[in-house]
PDB file of N, CA and C in Angstrom:
ATOM      1  N   MET A   1     -72.239 -41.188  -2.177  1.00  0.00           N
ATOM      2  CA  MET A   1     -72.690 -39.956  -1.351  1.00  0.00           C
ATOM      3  C   MET A   1     -72.430 -39.697  -0.456  1.00  0.00           C
ATOM      4  N   LEU A   2     -72.080 -38.099   0.264  1.00  0.00           N
ATOM      5  CA  LEU A   2     -72.768 -38.056   1.195  1.00  0.00           C
ATOM      6  C   LEU A   2     -73.661 -38.006   2.641  1.00  0.00           C
ATOM      7  N   ASN A   3     -73.842 -38.307   3.445  1.00  0.00           N
ATOM      8  CA  ASN A   3     -75.104 -38.048   4.364  1.00  0.00           C
ATOM      9  C   ASN A   3     -74.826 -37.006   4.700  1.00  0.00           C
ATOM     10  N   CYS A   4     -76.020 -35.628   5.308  1.00  0.00           N
ATOM     11  CA  CYS A   4     -76.524 -34.917   5.614  1.00  0.00           C
ATOM     12  C   CYS A   4     -75.322 -34.429   7.340  1.00  0.00           C
ATOM     13  N   LYS A   5     -75.107 -35.478   8.254  1.00  0.00           N
ATOM     14  CA  LYS A   5     -73.701 -35.621   8.881  1.00  0.00           C
ATOM     15  C   LYS A   5     -73.086 -35.403   8.275  1.00  0.00           C
ATOM     16  N   ASN A   6     -72.233 -36.102   7.175  1.00  0.00           N
ATOM     17  CA  ASN A   6     -70.498 -36.584   7.491  1.00  0.00           C
ATOM     18  C   ASN A   6     -70.621 -35.277   6.455  1.00  0.00           C
ATOM     19  N   ALA A   7     -71.737 -34.299   5.897  1.00  0.00           N
ATOM     20  CA  ALA A   7     -71.696 -33.243   4.791  1.00  0.00           C
ATOM     21  C   ALA A   7     -71.279 -32.103   5.704  1.00  0.00           C
ATOM     22  N   SER A   8     -72.310 -31.788   6.845  1.00  0.00           N
ATOM     23  CA  SER A   8     -71.969 -30.615   7.743  1.00  0.00           C
ATOM     24  C   SER A   8     -71.262 -30.430   8.541  1.00  0.00           C
ATOM     25  N   HIS A   9     -69.941 -31.826   8.588  1.00  0.00           N
ATOM     26  CA  HIS A   9     -68.971 -31.785   9.327  1.00  0.00           C
ATOM     27  C   HIS A   9     -68.076 -31.962   8.297  1.00  0.00           C
ATOM     28  N   LEU A  10     -68.118 -31.806   7.392  1.00  0.00           N
ATOM     29  CA  LEU A  10     -66.737 -31.399   6.294  1.00  0.00           C
ATOM     30  C   LEU A  10     -66.958 -29.784   6.012  1.00  0.00           C
ATOM     31  N   GLN A  11     -68.171 -29.278   6.135  1.00  0.00           N
ATOM     32  CA  GLN A  11     -68.117 -28.485   5.271  1.00  0.00           C
ATOM     33  C   GLN A  11     -67.478 -27.260   7.192  1.00  0.00           C
ATOM     34  N   SER A  12     -67.555 -28.426   7.993  1.00  0.00           N
ATOM     35  CA  SER A  12     -66.701 -27.553   9.378  1.00  0.00           C
ATOM     36  C   SER A  12     -65.504 -27.579   8.792  1.00  0.00           C
ATOM     37  N   GLU A  13     -65.465 -28.620   8.619  1.00  0.00           N
ATOM     38  CA  GLU A  13     -63.442 -28.724   8.667  1.00  0.00           C
ATOM     39  C   GLU A  13     -62.669 -27.956   7.699  1.00  0.00           C
ATOM     40  N   ALA A  14     -63.579 -27.576   7.093  1.00  0.00           N
ATOM     41  CA  ALA A  14     -63.449 -26.577   6.146  1.00  0.00           C
ATOM     42  C   ALA A  14     -62.570 -25.199   5.972  1.00  0.00           C
ATOM     43  N   TYR A  15     -63.196 -25.020   6.893  1.00  0.00           N
ATOM     44  CA  TYR A  15     -62.283 -23.813   8.095  1.00  0.00           C
ATOM     45  C   TYR A  15     -61.171 -24.564   8.742  1.00  0.00           C
ATOM     46  N   GLU A  16     -60.921 -25.501   9.094  1.00  0.00           N
ATOM     47  CA  GLU A  16     -59.919 -25.468  10.129  1.00  0.00           C
ATOM     48  C   GLU A  16     -58.555 -26.260   9.338  1.00  0.00           C
ATOM     49  N   ARG A  17     -59.414 -27.193   7.978  1.00  0.00           N
ATOM     50  CA  ARG A  17     -57.915 -27.632   7.093  1.00  0.00           C
ATOM     51  C   ARG A  17     -58.804 -27.273   5.942  1.00  0.00           C
ATOM     52  N   PRO A  18     -57.297 -27.806   4.615  1.00  0.00           N
ATOM     53  CA  PRO A  18     -58.036 -27.833   3.358  1.00  0.00           C
ATOM     54  C   PRO A  18     -58.670 -29.234   3.148  1.00  0.00           C
ATOM     55  N   LEU A  19     -59.684 -29.553   2.277  1.00  0.00           N
ATOM     56  CA  LEU A  19     -60.320 -30.613   2.276  1.00  0.00           C
ATOM     57  C   LEU A  19     -59.753 -31.664   1.137  1.00  0.00           C
ATOM     58  N   SER A  20     -59.590 -32.281   0.917  1.00  0.00           N
ATOM     59  CA  SER A  20     -59.031 -33.404  -0.144  1.00  0.00           C
ATOM     60  C   SER A  20     -59.745 -33.368  -1.232  1.00  0.00           C
ATOM     61  N   ALA A  21     -59.560 -33.721  -2.316  1.00  0.00           N
ATOM     62  CA  ALA A  21     -59.767 -33.270  -3.808  1.00  0.00           C
ATOM     63  C   ALA A  21     -61.406 -34.446  -3.895  1.00  0.00           C
ATOM     64  N   ARG A  22     -61.028 -35.371  -2.844  1.00  0.00           N
ATOM     65  CA  ARG A  22     -62.965 -36.443  -2.956  1.00  0.00           C
ATOM     66  C   ARG A  22     -63.985 -35.651  -1.945  1.00  0.00           C
ATOM     67  N   GLU A  23     -63.054 -34.946  -1.062  1.00  0.00           N
ATOM     68  CA  GLU A  23     -63.650 -34.773  -0.325  1.00  0.00           C
ATOM     69  C   GLU A  23     -64.953 -33.366  -1.179  1.00  0.00           C
ATOM     70  N   GLN A  24     -63.783 -32.339  -1.469  1.00  0.00           N
ATOM     71  CA  GLN A  24     -64.146 -31.419  -2.581  1.00  0.00           C
ATOM     72  C   GLN A  24     -65.850 -32.129  -3.135  1.00  0.00           C
ATOM     73  N   ILE A  25     -65.136 -32.669  -3.535  1.00  0.00           N
ATOM     74  CA  ILE A  25     -65.796 -33.237  -5.310  1.00  0.00           C
ATOM     75  C   ILE A  25     -67.855 -33.560  -3.840  1.00  0.00           C
ATOM     76  N   GLY A  26     -67.312 -34.306  -3.424  1.00  0.00           N
ATOM     77  CA  GLY A  26     -68.454 -35.236  -2.592  1.00  0.00           C
ATOM     78  C   GLY A  26     -69.252 -34.114  -1.540  1.00  0.00           C
ATOM     79  N   LEU A  27     -67.868 -33.325  -1.113  1.00  0.00           N
ATOM     80  CA  LEU A  27     -69.317 -32.307  -0.509  1.00  0.00           C
ATOM     81  C   LEU A  27     -69.777 -30.793  -1.744  1.00  0.00           C
ATOM     82  N   LYS A  28     -69.693 -31.095  -2.871  1.00  0.00           N
ATOM     83  CA  LYS A  28     -69.802 -30.205  -3.531  1.00  0.00           C
ATOM     84  C   LYS A  28     -71.235 -31.302  -4.178  1.00  0.00           C
ATOM     85  N   LEU A  29     -71.364 -32.156  -4.860  1.00  0.00           N
ATOM     86  CA  LEU A  29     -72.144 -32.362  -4.773  1.00  0.00           C
ATOM     87  C   LEU A  29     -73.025 -33.086  -3.997  1.00  0.00           C
ATOM     88  N   HIS A  30     -73.238 -33.056  -2.994  1.00  0.00           N
ATOM     89  CA  HIS A  30     -74.036 -33.374  -1.990  1.00  0.00           C
ATOM     90  C   HIS A  30     -75.076 -31.979  -1.688  1.00  0.00           C
ATOM     91  N   LEU A  31     -74.566 -30.304  -1.779  1.00  0.00           N
ATOM     92  CA  LEU A  31     -74.642 -29.052  -1.877  1.00  0.00           C
ATOM     93  C   LEU A  31     -75.777 -28.659  -2.828  1.00  0.00           C
ATOM     94  N   LEU A  32     -75.449 -29.213  -3.912  1.00  0.00           N
ATOM     95  CA  LEU A  32     -76.067 -29.736  -4.793  1.00  0.00           C
ATOM     96  C   LEU A  32     -77.543 -29.909  -5.213  1.00  0.00           C
ATOM     97  N   ILE A  33     -78.196 -30.946  -4.010  1.00  0.00           N
ATOM     98  CA  ILE A  33     -78.944 -31.820  -4.111  1.00  0.00           C
ATOM     99  C   ILE A  33     -79.887 -31.292  -2.515  1.00  0.00           C
ATOM    100  N   CYS A  34     -79.390 -31.294  -1.898  1.00  0.00           N
ATOM    101  CA  CYS A  34     -79.554 -31.030  -0.373  1.00  0.00           C
ATOM    102  C   CYS A  34     -80.023 -29.244  -0.373  1.00  0.00           C
ATOM    103  N   LYS A  35     -81.099 -28.756  -0.096  1.00  0.00           N
ATOM    104  CA  LYS A  35     -80.999 -27.189   0.482  1.00  0.00           C
ATOM    105  C   LYS A  35     -80.830 -27.187   1.957  1.00  0.00           C
ATOM    106  N   GLY A  36     -80.860 -27.856   2.591  1.00  0.00           N
ATOM    107  CA  GLY A  36     -80.691 -28.353   4.299  1.00  0.00           C
ATOM    108  C   GLY A  36     -78.908 -27.662   4.406  1.00  0.00           C
ATOM    109  N   CYS A  37     -78.763 -28.777   3.839  1.00  0.00           N
ATOM    110  CA  CYS A  37     -77.016 -28.765   4.017  1.00  0.00           C
ATOM    111  C   CYS A  37     -76.281 -26.865   3.303  1.00  0.00           C
ATOM    112  N   ARG A  38     -76.935 -26.808   2.018  1.00  0.00           N
ATOM    113  CA  ARG A  38     -76.549 -25.380   2.041  1.00  0.00           C
ATOM    114  C   ARG A  38     -76.871 -24.169   2.933  1.00  0.00           C
ATOM    115  N   GLY A  39     -78.262 -24.463   3.557  1.00  0.00           N
ATOM    116  CA  GLY A  39     -78.612 -23.274   3.978  1.00  0.00           C
ATOM    117  C   GLY A  39     -77.223 -23.048   5.580  1.00  0.00           C
ATOM    118  N   PHE A  40     -76.895 -24.528   5.743  1.00  0.00           N
ATOM    119  CA  PHE A  40     -75.798 -25.062   7.055  1.00  0.00           C
ATOM    120  C   PHE A  40     -74.773 -23.956   6.339  1.00  0.00           C
ATOM    121  N   ALA A  41     -74.617 -24.607   4.894  1.00  0.00           N
ATOM    122  CA  ALA A  41     -73.817 -23.703   4.577  1.00  0.00           C
ATOM    123  C   ALA A  41     -73.747 -22.016   5.621  1.00  0.00           C
ATOM    124  N   GLU A  42     -74.442 -20.911   4.907  1.00  0.00           N
ATOM    125  CA  GLU A  42     -74.396 -20.444   4.811  1.00  0.00           C
ATOM    126  C   GLU A  42     -74.725 -19.756   5.997  1.00  0.00           C
ATOM    127  N   GLN A  43     -75.317 -20.604   6.904  1.00  0.00           N
ATOM    128  CA  GLN A  43     -75.425 -20.263   7.949  1.00  0.00           C
ATOM    129  C   GLN A  43     -73.235 -20.138   9.314  1.00  0.00           C
ATOM    130  N   LEU A  44     -72.970 -21.064   8.535  1.00  0.00           N
ATOM    131  CA  LEU A  44     -71.061 -21.086   9.209  1.00  0.00           C
ATOM    132  C   LEU A  44     -70.813 -20.203   8.620  1.00  0.00           C
ATOM    133  N   HIS A  45     -70.505 -19.625   7.103  1.00  0.00           N
ATOM    134  CA  HIS A  45     -70.217 -18.378   6.844  1.00  0.00           C
ATOM    135  C   HIS A  45     -70.365 -17.180   7.512  1.00  0.00           C
ATOM    136  N   LEU A  46     -71.667 -16.854   8.012  1.00  0.00           N
ATOM    137  CA  LEU A  46     -71.850 -16.010   9.015  1.00  0.00           C
ATOM    138  C   LEU A  46     -72.213 -16.038  10.354  1.00  0.00           C
ATOM    139  N   ILE A  47     -71.492 -17.242  10.296  1.00  0.00           N
ATOM    140  CA  ILE A  47     -70.771 -16.999  12.606  1.00  0.00           C
ATOM    141  C   ILE A  47     -69.917 -16.592  12.139  1.00  0.00           C
ATOM    142  N   ARG A  48     -69.070 -17.560  11.207  1.00  0.00           N
ATOM    143  CA  ARG A  48     -67.385 -16.782  10.985  1.00  0.00           C
ATOM    144  C   ARG A  48     -67.340 -15.188  10.923  1.00  0.00           C
ATOM    145  N   GLN A  49     -67.881 -14.815   9.556  1.00  0.00           N
ATOM    146  CA  GLN A  49     -67.769 -13.640   8.918  1.00  0.00           C
ATOM    147  C   GLN A  49     -68.158 -12.611  10.467  1.00  0.00           C
ATOM    148  N   ALA A  50     -69.249 -13.075  11.904  1.00  0.00           N
ATOM    149  CA  ALA A  50     -69.216 -12.611  12.894  1.00  0.00           C
ATOM    150  C   ALA A  50     -67.729 -11.827  13.624  1.00  0.00           C
ATOM    151  N   CYS A  51     -67.884 -13.465  13.828  1.00  0.00           N
ATOM    152  CA  CYS A  51     -66.622 -13.777  14.971  1.00  0.00           C
ATOM    153  C   CYS A  51     -66.279 -13.085  14.619  1.00  0.00           C
ATOM    154  N   ARG A  52     -65.543 -13.229  13.331  1.00  0.00           N
ATOM    155  CA  ARG A  52     -63.990 -12.030  12.880  1.00  0.00           C
ATOM    156  C   ARG A  52     -63.956 -10.629  13.131  1.00  0.00           C
ATOM    157  N   ARG A  53     -65.596 -10.161  12.980  1.00  0.00           N
ATOM    158  CA  ARG A  53     -65.643  -8.843  13.049  1.00  0.00           C
ATOM    159  C   ARG A  53     -65.317  -8.363  14.614  1.00  0.00           C
ATOM    160  N   ILE A  54     -66.092  -9.271  15.281  1.00  0.00           N
ATOM    161  CA  ILE A  54     -65.530  -9.194  16.988  1.00  0.00           C
ATOM    162  C   ILE A  54     -64.537  -9.081  17.365  1.00  0.00           C
ATOM    163  N   ASP A  55     -63.232 -10.272  16.770  1.00  0.00           N
ATOM    164  CA  ASP A  55     -61.639 -10.293  17.043  1.00  0.00           C
ATOM    165  C   ASP A  55     -61.525  -9.560  17.254  1.00  0.00           C
ATOM    166  N   GLU A  56     -61.882  -8.499  15.267  1.00  0.00           N
ATOM    167  CA  GLU A  56     -61.463  -7.032  15.324  1.00  0.00           C
ATOM    168  C   GLU A  56     -61.995  -6.239  15.819  1.00  0.00           C
ATOM    169  N   SER A  57     -62.796  -6.108  16.162  1.00  0.00           N
ATOM    170  CA  SER A  57     -63.821  -4.819  17.168  1.00  0.00           C
ATOM    171  C   SER A  57     -62.854  -4.975  18.515  1.00  0.00           C
ATOM    172  N   LYS A  58     -62.252  -6.426  18.950  1.00  0.00           N
ATOM    173  CA  LYS A  58     -61.344  -6.371  20.078  1.00  0.00           C
ATOM    174  C   LYS A  58     -59.974  -5.796  20.347  1.00  0.00           C
ATOM    175  N   GLY A  59     -59.471  -6.201  18.678  1.00  0.00           N
ATOM    176  CA  GLY A  59     -58.648  -5.737  18.305  1.00  0.00           C
ATOM    177  C   GLY A  59     -57.400  -7.041  18.709  1.00  0.00           C
ATOM    178  N   MET A  60     -58.394  -8.020  18.797  1.00  0.00           N
ATOM    179  CA  MET A  60     -58.089  -9.474  18.363  1.00  0.00           C
ATOM    180  C   MET A  60     -57.595 -10.237  16.577  1.00  0.00           C
ATOM    181  N   GLY A  61     -57.041  -8.951  15.865  1.00  0.00           N
ATOM    182  CA  GLY A  61     -57.167  -9.361  14.427  1.00  0.00           C
ATOM    183  C   GLY A  61     -56.198 -10.435  14.604  1.00  0.00           C
ATOM    184  N   ALA A  62     -55.404 -10.053  13.127  1.00  0.00           N
ATOM    185  CA  ALA A  62     -54.357 -11.254  12.277  1.00  0.00           C
ATOM    186  C   ALA A  62     -52.971 -11.623  12.955  1.00  0.00           C
ATOM    187  N   ASP A  63     -53.114  -9.695  13.523  1.00  0.00           N
ATOM    188  CA  ASP A  63     -51.663  -9.621  13.578  1.00  0.00           C
ATOM    189  C   ASP A  63     -51.740  -9.955  15.923  1.00  0.00           C
ATOM    190  N   ALA A  64     -52.691 -10.388  16.358  1.00  0.00           N
ATOM    191  CA  ALA A  64     -52.769 -10.310  17.921  1.00  0.00           C
ATOM    192  C   ALA A  64     -51.625 -11.642  18.583  1.00  0.00           C
ATOM    193  N   PRO A  65     -51.067 -11.455  19.252  1.00  0.00           N
ATOM    194  CA  PRO A  65     -50.275 -12.714  20.149  1.00  0.00           C
ATOM    195  C   PRO A  65     -52.441 -13.510  20.009  1.00  0.00           C
ATOM    196  N   GLY A  66     -51.048 -15.309  19.861  1.00  0.00           N
ATOM    197  CA  GLY A  66     -51.382 -16.258  19.397  1.00  0.00           C
ATOM    198  C   GLY A  66     -51.569 -16.711  20.990  1.00  0.00           C
ATOM    199  N   MET A  67     -51.976 -18.312  20.787  1.00  0.00           N
ATOM    200  CA  MET A  67     -52.289 -19.180  21.995  1.00  0.00           C
ATOM    201  C   MET A  67     -50.578 -19.202  22.802  1.00  0.00           C
ATOM    202  N   PRO A  68     -50.244 -19.324  23.689  1.00  0.00           N
ATOM    203  CA  PRO A  68     -49.266 -19.529  24.419  1.00  0.00           C
ATOM    204  C   PRO A  68     -48.886 -21.072  24.119  1.00  0.00           C
ATOM    205  N   PRO A  69     -47.440 -20.727  24.052  1.00  0.00           N
ATOM    206  CA  PRO A  69     -46.978 -23.063  23.326  1.00  0.00           C
ATOM    207  C   PRO A  69     -47.968 -23.842  24.154  1.00  0.00           C
ATOM    208  N   ASP A  70     -47.260 -23.463  25.423  1.00  0.00           N
ATOM    209  CA  ASP A  70     -47.563 -24.622  26.339  1.00  0.00           C
ATOM    210  C   ASP A  70     -48.994 -24.759  26.634  1.00  0.00           C
ATOM    211  N   THR A  71     -50.021 -23.986  25.782  1.00  0.00           N
ATOM    212  CA  THR A  71     -51.478 -23.785  26.275  1.00  0.00           C
ATOM    213  C   THR A  71     -51.453 -24.667  24.727  1.00  0.00           C
ATOM    214  N   LYS A  72     -50.601 -24.605  24.104  1.00  0.00           N
ATOM    215  CA  LYS A  72     -51.038 -24.842  22.704  1.00  0.00           C
ATOM    216  C   LYS A  72     -50.990 -27.038  22.611  1.00  0.00           C
ATOM    217  N   THR A  73     -50.141 -27.292  23.176  1.00  0.00           N
ATOM    218  CA  THR A  73     -49.211 -28.563  23.421  1.00  0.00           C
ATOM    219  C   THR A  73     -50.138 -29.579  24.461  1.00  0.00           C
ATOM    220  N   ARG A  74     -50.419 -28.641  25.583  1.00  0.00           N
ATOM    221  CA  ARG A  74     -51.725 -29.892  26.632  1.00  0.00           C
ATOM    222  C   ARG A  74     -52.720 -29.800  25.866  1.00  0.00           C
ATOM    223  N   ILE A  75     -53.584 -28.615  24.777  1.00  0.00           N
ATOM    224  CA  ILE A  75     -54.970 -29.220  24.367  1.00  0.00           C
ATOM    225  C   ILE A  75     -54.045 -30.081  23.352  1.00  0.00           C
ATOM    226  N   LEU A  76     -53.175 -30.043  23.088  1.00  0.00           N
ATOM    227  CA  LEU A  76     -52.801 -30.856  21.281  1.00  0.00           C
ATOM    228  C   LEU A  76     -52.830 -32.545  22.116  1.00  0.00           C
ATOM    229  N   LYS A  77     -51.809 -32.543  23.061  1.00  0.00           N
ATOM    230  CA  LYS A  77     -52.042 -33.991  24.071  1.00  0.00           C
ATOM    231  C   LYS A  77     -53.511 -33.960  24.359  1.00  0.00           C
ATOM    232  N   GLU A  78     -54.152 -33.092  24.965  1.00  0.00           N
ATOM    233  CA  GLU A  78     -55.260 -33.789  25.352  1.00  0.00           C
ATOM    234  C   GLU A  78     -56.480 -34.455  24.124  1.00  0.00           C
ATOM    235  N   LEU A  79     -56.406 -33.726  23.018  1.00  0.00           N
ATOM    236  CA  LEU A  79     -56.841 -34.143  22.141  1.00  0.00           C
ATOM    237  C   LEU A  79     -56.552 -35.553  21.511  1.00  0.00           C
ATOM    238  N   ALA A  80     -54.713 -35.424  21.452  1.00  0.00           N
ATOM    239  CA  ALA A  80     -54.242 -36.905  21.297  1.00  0.00           C
ATOM    240  C   ALA A  80     -55.244 -37.938  22.016  1.00  0.00           C
ATOM    241  N   SER A  81     -55.299 -37.921  23.523  1.00  0.00           N
ATOM    242  CA  SER A  81     -55.402 -38.949  24.103  1.00  0.00           C
ATOM    243  C   SER A  81     -57.254 -39.182  23.854  1.00  0.00           C
ATOM    244  N   LYS A  82     -57.887 -38.862  23.374  1.00  0.00           N
ATOM    245  CA  LYS A  82     -59.233 -38.505  23.288  1.00  0.00           C
ATOM    246  C   LYS A  82     -59.255 -39.002  21.937  1.00  0.00           C
ATOM    247  N   GLN A  83     -58.701 -39.253  21.228  1.00  0.00           N
ATOM    248  CA  GLN A  83     -58.392 -39.729  19.846  1.00  0.00           C
ATOM    249  C   GLN A  83     -58.733 -41.434  20.319  1.00  0.00           C
ATOM    250  N   GLY A  84     -57.213 -41.812  20.961  1.00  0.00           N
ATOM    251  CA  GLY A  84     -56.814 -42.908  21.548  1.00  0.00           C
ATOM    252  C   GLY A  84     -57.785 -43.676  22.323  1.00  0.00           C
ATOM    253  N   GLU A  85     -58.981 -43.596  22.554  1.00  0.00           N
ATOM    254  CA  GLU A  85     -60.100 -44.230  23.703  1.00  0.00           C
ATOM    255  C   GLU A  85     -61.036 -44.341  22.972  1.00  0.00           C
TER     256      GLU A  85
END
């Protein structure tokens, strides 16, 4: 069974990548019994919606240009070096 810290981490991760079947089941079971984490899930959803609306109002919708490739590469290298520490 997941603890709240792991459940909140998975909830955030779910917006960035698909969760494995095991992660999904564990998260769903945790959310069934934890009111606090259900509230956190609702807050994350509201924040995502608000950010999406802000992006759309500033012309940063799905068709907006993305991050420059060199910037993305630099960030990925930095993240990889931090994971190796």
